């Protein structure tokens, strides 16, 4: 199966998701958070570093629950960027895109 290449917007959204998850994890270990979410530490590492920019919905939901984040908050913070951001250089129009492609 050939996977369609990610758009620049999808890559940016994945980077924002990873950054948000790292910030929410704080001082907690990656292993502890991953175990709490029922995923491997390697999967969490890939998501946090942007190497897995489009994780499965249930993976994101499990991580949100383990970190005490609502899906609404996660979506809002990953889909929107303030003016002057990297995303505004990619597209002149602000767009709300789904968290999971």
PDB file of N, CA and C in Angstrom:
ATOM      1  N   UNK A   1       0.844  -1.184   0.000  1.00  0.00           N
ATOM      2  CA  UNK A   1       0.000   0.000   0.000  1.00  0.00           C
ATOM      3  C   UNK A   1       0.889   1.247   0.000  1.00  0.00           C
ATOM      4  N   UNK A   2       0.637   2.123  -0.922  1.00  0.00           N
ATOM      5  CA  UNK A   2       1.405   3.366  -1.028  1.00  0.00           C
ATOM      6  C   UNK A   2       0.657   4.453  -0.274  1.00  0.00           C
ATOM      7  N   UNK A   3       1.366   5.133   0.582  1.00  0.00           N
ATOM      8  CA  UNK A   3       0.755   6.192   1.375  1.00  0.00           C
ATOM      9  C   UNK A   3       0.946   7.530   0.672  1.00  0.00           C
ATOM     10  N   UNK A   4      -0.116   8.323   0.632  1.00  0.00           N
ATOM     11  CA  UNK A   4      -0.061   9.649   0.035  1.00  0.00           C
ATOM     12  C   UNK A   4       0.870  10.533   0.867  1.00  0.00           C
ATOM     13  N   UNK A   5       1.767  11.274   0.234  1.00  0.00           N
ATOM     14  CA  UNK A   5       2.652  12.162   0.997  1.00  0.00           C
ATOM     15  C   UNK A   5       1.846  13.190   1.793  1.00  0.00           C
ATOM     16  N   UNK A   6       2.365  13.550   2.959  1.00  0.00           N
ATOM     17  CA  UNK A   6       1.696  14.531   3.814  1.00  0.00           C
ATOM     18  C   UNK A   6       1.862  15.929   3.245  1.00  0.00           C
ATOM     19  N   UNK A   7       0.848  16.733   3.438  1.00  0.00           N
ATOM     20  CA  UNK A   7       0.914  18.132   3.028  1.00  0.00           C
ATOM     21  C   UNK A   7       1.718  18.904   4.067  1.00  0.00           C
ATOM     22  N   UNK A   8       2.189  20.086   3.723  1.00  0.00           N
ATOM     23  CA  UNK A   8       2.891  20.911   4.717  1.00  0.00           C
ATOM     24  C   UNK A   8       2.008  21.205   5.932  1.00  0.00           C
ATOM     25  N   UNK A   9       0.713  21.398   5.712  1.00  0.00           N
ATOM     26  CA  UNK A   9      -0.207  21.670   6.817  1.00  0.00           C
ATOM     27  C   UNK A   9      -0.310  20.467   7.751  1.00  0.00           C
ATOM     28  N   UNK A  10      -0.339  19.258   7.188  1.00  0.00           N
ATOM     29  CA  UNK A  10      -0.405  18.044   8.017  1.00  0.00           C
ATOM     30  C   UNK A  10       0.867  17.882   8.839  1.00  0.00           C
ATOM     31  N   UNK A  11       1.996  18.197   8.234  1.00  0.00           N
ATOM     32  CA  UNK A  11       3.259  18.117   8.982  1.00  0.00           C
ATOM     33  C   UNK A  11       3.290  19.127  10.130  1.00  0.00           C
ATOM     34  N   UNK A  12       2.854  20.349   9.859  1.00  0.00           N
ATOM     35  CA  UNK A  12       2.810  21.375  10.903  1.00  0.00           C
ATOM     36  C   UNK A  12       1.855  20.987  12.027  1.00  0.00           C
ATOM     37  N   UNK A  13       0.702  20.440  11.661  1.00  0.00           N
ATOM     38  CA  UNK A  13      -0.274  20.005  12.660  1.00  0.00           C
ATOM     39  C   UNK A  13       0.326  18.898  13.529  1.00  0.00           C
ATOM     40  N   UNK A  14       1.061  17.975  12.912  1.00  0.00           N
ATOM     41  CA  UNK A  14       1.719  16.909  13.666  1.00  0.00           C
ATOM     42  C   UNK A  14       2.771  17.452  14.619  1.00  0.00           C
ATOM     43  N   UNK A  15       3.516  18.456  14.176  1.00  0.00           N
ATOM     44  CA  UNK A  15       4.515  19.084  15.042  1.00  0.00           C
ATOM     45  C   UNK A  15       3.851  19.784  16.224  1.00  0.00           C
ATOM     46  N   UNK A  16       2.722  20.474  15.966  1.00  0.00           N
ATOM     47  CA  UNK A  16       1.997  21.140  17.051  1.00  0.00           C
ATOM     48  C   UNK A  16       1.453  20.117  18.049  1.00  0.00           C
ATOM     49  N   UNK A  17       0.926  19.007  17.540  1.00  0.00           N
ATOM     50  CA  UNK A  17       0.421  17.955  18.425  1.00  0.00           C
ATOM     51  C   UNK A  17       1.551  17.426  19.297  1.00  0.00           C
ATOM     52  N   UNK A  18       2.685  17.131  18.708  1.00  0.00           N
ATOM     53  CA  UNK A  18       3.827  16.631  19.479  1.00  0.00           C
ATOM     54  C   UNK A  18       4.283  17.606  20.541  1.00  0.00           C
ATOM     55  N   UNK A  19       4.358  18.876  20.178  1.00  0.00           N
ATOM     56  CA  UNK A  19       4.774  19.915  21.129  1.00  0.00           C
ATOM     57  C   UNK A  19       3.780  20.022  22.283  1.00  0.00           C
ATOM     58  N   UNK A  20       2.492  19.994  21.962  1.00  0.00           N
ATOM     59  CA  UNK A  20       1.452  20.072  22.991  1.00  0.00           C
ATOM     60  C   UNK A  20       1.528  18.874  23.935  1.00  0.00           C
ATOM     61  N   UNK A  21       1.714  17.700  23.400  1.00  0.00           N
ATOM     62  CA  UNK A  21       1.804  16.507  24.243  1.00  0.00           C
ATOM     63  C   UNK A  21       3.042  16.550  25.137  1.00  0.00           C
ATOM     64  N   UNK A  22       4.170  16.991  24.593  1.00  0.00           N
ATOM     65  CA  UNK A  22       5.387  17.121  25.409  1.00  0.00           C
ATOM     66  C   UNK A  22       5.155  18.093  26.558  1.00  0.00           C
ATOM     67  N   UNK A  23       4.538  19.247  26.254  1.00  0.00           N
ATOM     68  CA  UNK A  23       4.271  20.245  27.293  1.00  0.00           C
ATOM     69  C   UNK A  23       3.322  19.692  28.343  1.00  0.00           C
ATOM     70  N   UNK A  24       2.282  18.991  27.918  1.00  0.00           N
ATOM     71  CA  UNK A  24       1.300  18.432  28.849  1.00  0.00           C
ATOM     72  C   UNK A  24       1.916  17.326  29.707  1.00  0.00           C
ATOM     73  N   UNK A  25       2.866  16.594  29.154  1.00  0.00           N
ATOM     74  CA  UNK A  25       3.527  15.520  29.912  1.00  0.00           C
ATOM     75  C   UNK A  25       4.383  16.092  31.022  1.00  0.00           C
ATOM     76  N   UNK A  26       4.956  17.262  30.803  1.00  0.00           N
ATOM     77  CA  UNK A  26       5.761  17.927  31.827  1.00  0.00           C
ATOM     78  C   UNK A  26       6.912  17.069  32.307  1.00  0.00           C
ATOM     79  N   UNK A  27       6.981  16.864  33.616  1.00  0.00           N
ATOM     80  CA  UNK A  27       8.070  16.101  34.223  1.00  0.00           C
ATOM     81  C   UNK A  27       7.791  14.596  34.251  1.00  0.00           C
ATOM     82  N   UNK A  28       6.594  14.194  33.867  1.00  0.00           N
ATOM     83  CA  UNK A  28       6.274  12.758  33.867  1.00  0.00           C
ATOM     84  C   UNK A  28       7.106  12.052  32.798  1.00  0.00           C
ATOM     85  N   UNK A  29       7.478  10.840  33.089  1.00  0.00           N
ATOM     86  CA  UNK A  29       8.295  10.102  32.122  1.00  0.00           C
ATOM     87  C   UNK A  29       7.460   9.676  30.928  1.00  0.00           C
ATOM     88  N   UNK A  30       8.124   9.561  29.808  1.00  0.00           N
ATOM     89  CA  UNK A  30       7.475   9.114  28.586  1.00  0.00           C
ATOM     90  C   UNK A  30       6.914   7.703  28.777  1.00  0.00           C
ATOM     91  N   UNK A  31       7.665   6.861  29.457  1.00  0.00           N
ATOM     92  CA  UNK A  31       7.248   5.477  29.680  1.00  0.00           C
ATOM     93  C   UNK A  31       5.970   5.430  30.516  1.00  0.00           C
ATOM     94  N   UNK A  32       5.891   6.243  31.566  1.00  0.00           N
ATOM     95  CA  UNK A  32       4.712   6.248  32.436  1.00  0.00           C
ATOM     96  C   UNK A  32       3.474   6.737  31.693  1.00  0.00           C
ATOM     97  N   UNK A  33       3.605   7.804  30.920  1.00  0.00           N
ATOM     98  CA  UNK A  33       2.466   8.347  30.174  1.00  0.00           C
ATOM     99  C   UNK A  33       2.024   7.367  29.098  1.00  0.00           C
ATOM    100  N   UNK A  34       2.986   6.779  28.389  1.00  0.00           N
ATOM    101  CA  UNK A  34       2.650   5.808  27.343  1.00  0.00           C
ATOM    102  C   UNK A  34       1.921   4.609  27.948  1.00  0.00           C
ATOM    103  N   UNK A  35       2.405   4.106  29.066  1.00  0.00           N
ATOM    104  CA  UNK A  35       1.756   2.963  29.713  1.00  0.00           C
ATOM    105  C   UNK A  35       0.344   3.323  30.152  1.00  0.00           C
ATOM    106  N   UNK A  36       0.172   4.523  30.686  1.00  0.00           N
ATOM    107  CA  UNK A  36      -1.148   4.982  31.115  1.00  0.00           C
ATOM    108  C   UNK A  36      -2.121   5.063  29.941  1.00  0.00           C
ATOM    109  N   UNK A  37      -1.599   5.405  28.768  1.00  0.00           N
ATOM    110  CA  UNK A  37      -2.432   5.521  27.570  1.00  0.00           C
ATOM    111  C   UNK A  37      -2.586   4.187  26.840  1.00  0.00           C
ATOM    112  N   UNK A  38      -1.810   3.187  27.246  1.00  0.00           N
ATOM    113  CA  UNK A  38      -1.893   1.882  26.596  1.00  0.00           C
ATOM    114  C   UNK A  38      -1.176   1.803  25.262  1.00  0.00           C
ATOM    115  N   UNK A  39      -0.143   2.626  25.107  1.00  0.00           N
ATOM    116  CA  UNK A  39       0.656   2.603  23.877  1.00  0.00           C
ATOM    117  C   UNK A  39       2.116   2.403  24.257  1.00  0.00           C
ATOM    118  N   UNK A  40       2.954   2.156  23.277  1.00  0.00           N
ATOM    119  CA  UNK A  40       4.378   1.986  23.564  1.00  0.00           C
ATOM    120  C   UNK A  40       5.049   3.350  23.727  1.00  0.00           C
ATOM    121  N   UNK A  41       6.142   3.337  24.471  1.00  0.00           N
ATOM    122  CA  UNK A  41       6.915   4.571  24.633  1.00  0.00           C
ATOM    123  C   UNK A  41       7.468   5.023  23.289  1.00  0.00           C
ATOM    124  N   UNK A  42       7.798   4.072  22.415  1.00  0.00           N
ATOM    125  CA  UNK A  42       8.317   4.428  21.092  1.00  0.00           C
ATOM    126  C   UNK A  42       7.256   5.140  20.253  1.00  0.00           C
ATOM    127  N   UNK A  43       6.007   4.708  20.361  1.00  0.00           N
ATOM    128  CA  UNK A  43       4.923   5.391  19.642  1.00  0.00           C
ATOM    129  C   UNK A  43       4.786   6.820  20.150  1.00  0.00           C
ATOM    130  N   UNK A  44       4.808   7.008  21.472  1.00  0.00           N
ATOM    131  CA  UNK A  44       4.717   8.355  22.036  1.00  0.00           C
ATOM    132  C   UNK A  44       5.906   9.192  21.587  1.00  0.00           C
ATOM    133  N   UNK A  45       7.083   8.602  21.577  1.00  0.00           N
ATOM    134  CA  UNK A  45       8.288   9.337  21.139  1.00  0.00           C
ATOM    135  C   UNK A  45       8.120   9.809  19.691  1.00  0.00           C
ATOM    136  N   UNK A  46       7.621   8.939  18.824  1.00  0.00           N
ATOM    137  CA  UNK A  46       7.424   9.307  17.418  1.00  0.00           C
ATOM    138  C   UNK A  46       6.402  10.429  17.271  1.00  0.00           C
ATOM    139  N   UNK A  47       5.339  10.378  18.054  1.00  0.00           N
ATOM    140  CA  UNK A  47       4.319  11.430  17.978  1.00  0.00           C
ATOM    141  C   UNK A  47       4.890  12.749  18.494  1.00  0.00           C
ATOM    142  N   UNK A  48       5.581  12.695  19.628  1.00  0.00           N
ATOM    143  CA  UNK A  48       6.142  13.921  20.216  1.00  0.00           C
ATOM    144  C   UNK A  48       7.196  14.574  19.334  1.00  0.00           C
ATOM    145  N   UNK A  49       7.924  13.781  18.579  1.00  0.00           N
ATOM    146  CA  UNK A  49       8.981  14.347  17.736  1.00  0.00           C
ATOM    147  C   UNK A  49       8.494  14.678  16.331  1.00  0.00           C
ATOM    148  N   UNK A  50       7.227  14.375  16.034  1.00  0.00           N
ATOM    149  CA  UNK A  50       6.680  14.682  14.721  1.00  0.00           C
ATOM    150  C   UNK A  50       6.966  13.620  13.682  1.00  0.00           C
ATOM    151  N   UNK A  51       7.606  12.509  14.064  1.00  0.00           N
ATOM    152  CA  UNK A  51       7.879  11.438  13.106  1.00  0.00           C
ATOM    153  C   UNK A  51       6.625  10.640  12.787  1.00  0.00           C
ATOM    154  N   UNK A  52       5.582  10.780  13.612  1.00  0.00           N
ATOM    155  CA  UNK A  52       4.280  10.162  13.344  1.00  0.00           C
ATOM    156  C   UNK A  52       3.247  11.280  13.410  1.00  0.00           C
ATOM    157  N   UNK A  53       3.191  12.128  12.378  1.00  0.00           N
ATOM    158  CA  UNK A  53       2.354  13.324  12.435  1.00  0.00           C
ATOM    159  C   UNK A  53       0.851  13.076  12.326  1.00  0.00           C
ATOM    160  N   UNK A  54       0.445  11.859  11.951  1.00  0.00           N
ATOM    161  CA  UNK A  54      -0.987  11.579  11.830  1.00  0.00           C
ATOM    162  C   UNK A  54      -1.341  10.301  12.596  1.00  0.00           C
ATOM    163  N   UNK A  55      -1.217  10.346  13.930  1.00  0.00           N
ATOM    164  CA  UNK A  55      -1.536   9.149  14.711  1.00  0.00           C
ATOM    165  C   UNK A  55      -3.027   8.829  14.650  1.00  0.00           C
ATOM    166  N   UNK A  56      -3.364   7.586  14.957  1.00  0.00           N
ATOM    167  CA  UNK A  56      -4.755   7.149  14.946  1.00  0.00           C
ATOM    168  C   UNK A  56      -5.573   7.912  15.989  1.00  0.00           C
ATOM    169  N   UNK A  57      -6.844   8.091  15.686  1.00  0.00           N
ATOM    170  CA  UNK A  57      -7.747   8.815  16.580  1.00  0.00           C
ATOM    171  C   UNK A  57      -7.713   8.236  17.995  1.00  0.00           C
ATOM    172  N   UNK A  58      -7.816   6.921  18.117  1.00  0.00           N
ATOM    173  CA  UNK A  58      -7.873   6.310  19.440  1.00  0.00           C
ATOM    174  C   UNK A  58      -6.554   6.452  20.200  1.00  0.00           C
ATOM    175  N   UNK A  59      -5.453   6.545  19.496  1.00  0.00           N
ATOM    176  CA  UNK A  59      -4.170   6.812  20.143  1.00  0.00           C
ATOM    177  C   UNK A  59      -4.161   8.216  20.724  1.00  0.00           C
ATOM    178  N   UNK A  60      -4.630   9.178  19.944  1.00  0.00           N
ATOM    179  CA  UNK A  60      -4.694  10.561  20.421  1.00  0.00           C
ATOM    180  C   UNK A  60      -5.668  10.672  21.586  1.00  0.00           C
ATOM    181  N   UNK A  61      -6.815  10.003  21.487  1.00  0.00           N
ATOM    182  CA  UNK A  61      -7.811  10.037  22.570  1.00  0.00           C
ATOM    183  C   UNK A  61      -7.237   9.433  23.852  1.00  0.00           C
ATOM    184  N   UNK A  62      -6.509   8.331  23.739  1.00  0.00           N
ATOM    185  CA  UNK A  62      -5.909   7.697  24.912  1.00  0.00           C
ATOM    186  C   UNK A  62      -4.860   8.608  25.545  1.00  0.00           C
ATOM    187  N   UNK A  63      -4.055   9.254  24.715  1.00  0.00           N
ATOM    188  CA  UNK A  63      -3.044  10.180  25.241  1.00  0.00           C
ATOM    189  C   UNK A  63      -3.701  11.387  25.908  1.00  0.00           C
ATOM    190  N   UNK A  64      -4.745  11.914  25.280  1.00  0.00           N
ATOM    191  CA  UNK A  64      -5.459  13.048  25.876  1.00  0.00           C
ATOM    192  C   UNK A  64      -5.979  12.667  27.256  1.00  0.00           C
ATOM    193  N   UNK A  65      -6.581  11.487  27.371  1.00  0.00           N
ATOM    194  CA  UNK A  65      -7.093  11.031  28.662  1.00  0.00           C
ATOM    195  C   UNK A  65      -5.986  10.871  29.685  1.00  0.00           C
ATOM    196  N   UNK A  66      -4.867  10.289  29.284  1.00  0.00           N
ATOM    197  CA  UNK A  66      -3.745  10.072  30.201  1.00  0.00           C
ATOM    198  C   UNK A  66      -3.131  11.386  30.669  1.00  0.00           C
ATOM    199  N   UNK A  67      -3.231  12.415  29.833  1.00  0.00           N
ATOM    200  CA  UNK A  67      -2.625  13.712  30.160  1.00  0.00           C
ATOM    201  C   UNK A  67      -3.633  14.717  30.716  1.00  0.00           C
ATOM    202  N   UNK A  68      -4.889  14.314  30.815  1.00  0.00           N
ATOM    203  CA  UNK A  68      -5.902  15.226  31.351  1.00  0.00           C
ATOM    204  C   UNK A  68      -6.296  16.333  30.398  1.00  0.00           C
ATOM    205  N   UNK A  69      -6.195  16.072  29.096  1.00  0.00           N
ATOM    206  CA  UNK A  69      -6.575  17.052  28.085  1.00  0.00           C
ATOM    207  C   UNK A  69      -7.908  16.646  27.469  1.00  0.00           C
ATOM    208  N   UNK A  70      -8.735  17.617  27.147  1.00  0.00           N
ATOM    209  CA  UNK A  70      -9.967  17.306  26.429  1.00  0.00           C
ATOM    210  C   UNK A  70      -9.648  17.251  24.939  1.00  0.00           C
ATOM    211  N   UNK A  71     -10.418  16.479  24.214  1.00  0.00           N
ATOM    212  CA  UNK A  71     -10.224  16.402  22.763  1.00  0.00           C
ATOM    213  C   UNK A  71     -10.512  17.756  22.119  1.00  0.00           C
ATOM    214  N   UNK A  72     -11.478  18.501  22.656  1.00  0.00           N
ATOM    215  CA  UNK A  72     -11.768  19.837  22.127  1.00  0.00           C
ATOM    216  C   UNK A  72     -10.556  20.752  22.268  1.00  0.00           C
ATOM    217  N   UNK A  73      -9.935  20.710  23.433  1.00  0.00           N
ATOM    218  CA  UNK A  73      -8.750  21.549  23.660  1.00  0.00           C
ATOM    219  C   UNK A  73      -7.619  21.132  22.723  1.00  0.00           C
ATOM    220  N   UNK A  74      -7.419  19.836  22.610  1.00  0.00           N
ATOM    221  CA  UNK A  74      -6.369  19.321  21.742  1.00  0.00           C
ATOM    222  C   UNK A  74      -6.591  19.744  20.293  1.00  0.00           C
ATOM    223  N   UNK A  75      -7.800  19.607  19.813  1.00  0.00           N
ATOM    224  CA  UNK A  75      -8.124  20.000  18.447  1.00  0.00           C
ATOM    225  C   UNK A  75      -7.910  21.497  18.248  1.00  0.00           C
ATOM    226  N   UNK A  76      -8.423  22.291  19.166  1.00  0.00           N
ATOM    227  CA  UNK A  76      -8.289  23.737  19.046  1.00  0.00           C
ATOM    228  C   UNK A  76      -6.852  24.204  19.040  1.00  0.00           C
ATOM    229  N   UNK A  77      -6.030  23.606  19.880  1.00  0.00           N
ATOM    230  CA  UNK A  77      -4.637  24.034  19.970  1.00  0.00           C
ATOM    231  C   UNK A  77      -3.772  23.495  18.842  1.00  0.00           C
ATOM    232  N   UNK A  78      -4.178  22.394  18.228  1.00  0.00           N
ATOM    233  CA  UNK A  78      -3.385  21.834  17.127  1.00  0.00           C
ATOM    234  C   UNK A  78      -3.805  22.386  15.778  1.00  0.00           C
ATOM    235  N   UNK A  79      -5.063  22.765  15.641  1.00  0.00           N
ATOM    236  CA  UNK A  79      -5.569  23.190  14.331  1.00  0.00           C
ATOM    237  C   UNK A  79      -5.391  24.671  14.078  1.00  0.00           C
ATOM    238  N   UNK A  80      -5.265  25.484  15.092  1.00  0.00           N
ATOM    239  CA  UNK A  80      -5.199  26.932  14.913  1.00  0.00           C
ATOM    240  C   UNK A  80      -3.829  27.464  15.298  1.00  0.00           C
ATOM    241  N   UNK A  81      -3.345  28.372  14.504  1.00  0.00           N
ATOM    242  CA  UNK A  81      -2.083  29.047  14.791  1.00  0.00           C
ATOM    243  C   UNK A  81      -2.308  30.547  14.724  1.00  0.00           C
ATOM    244  N   UNK A  82      -1.680  31.307  15.615  1.00  0.00           N
ATOM    245  CA  UNK A  82      -1.818  32.764  15.559  1.00  0.00           C
ATOM    246  C   UNK A  82      -1.198  33.348  14.292  1.00  0.00           C
ATOM    247  N   UNK A  83      -1.623  34.545  13.938  1.00  0.00           N
ATOM    248  CA  UNK A  83      -1.086  35.235  12.757  1.00  0.00           C
ATOM    249  C   UNK A  83       0.417  35.402  12.911  1.00  0.00           C
ATOM    250  N   UNK A  84       1.123  35.316  11.793  1.00  0.00           N
ATOM    251  CA  UNK A  84       2.573  35.460  11.818  1.00  0.00           C
ATOM    252  C   UNK A  84       3.284  34.154  12.112  1.00  0.00           C
ATOM    253  N   UNK A  85       2.546  33.065  12.186  1.00  0.00           N
ATOM    254  CA  UNK A  85       3.140  31.777  12.494  1.00  0.00           C
ATOM    255  C   UNK A  85       3.674  31.135  11.222  1.00  0.00           C
ATOM    256  N   UNK A  86       4.270  29.983  11.379  1.00  0.00           N
ATOM    257  CA  UNK A  86       4.797  29.244  10.234  1.00  0.00           C
ATOM    258  C   UNK A  86       3.660  28.878   9.295  1.00  0.00           C
ATOM    259  N   UNK A  87       2.493  28.500   9.854  1.00  0.00           N
ATOM    260  CA  UNK A  87       1.381  28.104   9.009  1.00  0.00           C
ATOM    261  C   UNK A  87       0.933  29.250   8.116  1.00  0.00           C
ATOM    262  N   UNK A  88       0.972  30.478   8.620  1.00  0.00           N
ATOM    263  CA  UNK A  88       0.521  31.599   7.807  1.00  0.00           C
ATOM    264  C   UNK A  88       1.438  31.814   6.603  1.00  0.00           C
ATOM    265  N   UNK A  89       2.668  31.306   6.684  1.00  0.00           N
ATOM    266  CA  UNK A  89       3.566  31.387   5.539  1.00  0.00           C
ATOM    267  C   UNK A  89       3.211  30.333   4.503  1.00  0.00           C
ATOM    268  N   UNK A  90       2.621  29.230   4.941  1.00  0.00           N
ATOM    269  CA  UNK A  90       2.260  28.146   4.033  1.00  0.00           C
ATOM    270  C   UNK A  90       1.002  28.488   3.264  1.00  0.00           C
ATOM    271  N   UNK A  91       0.031  29.108   3.943  1.00  0.00           N
ATOM    272  CA  UNK A  91      -1.247  29.418   3.323  1.00  0.00           C
ATOM    273  C   UNK A  91      -1.675  30.814   3.727  1.00  0.00           C
ATOM    274  N   UNK A  92      -2.149  31.578   2.795  1.00  0.00           N
ATOM    275  CA  UNK A  92      -2.596  32.930   3.092  1.00  0.00           C
ATOM    276  C   UNK A  92      -3.934  32.919   3.823  1.00  0.00           C
ATOM    277  N   UNK A  93      -4.717  31.849   3.652  1.00  0.00           N
ATOM    278  CA  UNK A  93      -6.021  31.761   4.322  1.00  0.00           C
ATOM    279  C   UNK A  93      -5.918  30.896   5.550  1.00  0.00           C
ATOM    280  N   UNK A  94      -6.419  31.354   6.708  1.00  0.00           N
ATOM    281  CA  UNK A  94      -6.446  30.480   7.871  1.00  0.00           C
ATOM    282  C   UNK A  94      -7.442  29.349   7.610  1.00  0.00           C
ATOM    283  N   UNK A  95      -7.036  28.150   7.981  1.00  0.00           N
ATOM    284  CA  UNK A  95      -7.914  27.003   7.736  1.00  0.00           C
ATOM    285  C   UNK A  95      -7.991  26.156   9.003  1.00  0.00           C
ATOM    286  N   UNK A  96      -9.169  25.660   9.273  1.00  0.00           N
ATOM    287  CA  UNK A  96      -9.336  24.717  10.351  1.00  0.00           C
ATOM    288  C   UNK A  96      -9.329  23.343   9.694  1.00  0.00           C
ATOM    289  N   UNK A  97      -8.366  22.552  10.064  1.00  0.00           N
ATOM    290  CA  UNK A  97      -8.227  21.227   9.474  1.00  0.00           C
ATOM    291  C   UNK A  97      -8.425  20.175  10.547  1.00  0.00           C
ATOM    292  N   UNK A  98      -8.928  19.000  10.197  1.00  0.00           N
ATOM    293  CA  UNK A  98      -9.143  17.965  11.210  1.00  0.00           C
ATOM    294  C   UNK A  98      -7.827  17.504  11.808  1.00  0.00           C
ATOM    295  N   UNK A  99      -7.872  17.095  13.077  1.00  0.00           N
ATOM    296  CA  UNK A  99      -6.684  16.636  13.767  1.00  0.00           C
ATOM    297  C   UNK A  99      -6.149  15.357  13.161  1.00  0.00           C
ATOM    298  N   UNK A 100      -7.030  14.473  12.795  1.00  0.00           N
ATOM    299  CA  UNK A 100      -6.635  13.182  12.237  1.00  0.00           C
ATOM    300  C   UNK A 100      -7.078  13.130  10.780  1.00  0.00           C
ATOM    301  N   UNK A 101      -6.140  12.854   9.910  1.00  0.00           N
ATOM    302  CA  UNK A 101      -6.460  12.794   8.485  1.00  0.00           C
ATOM    303  C   UNK A 101      -6.951  11.408   8.120  1.00  0.00           C
TER     304      UNK A 101
END
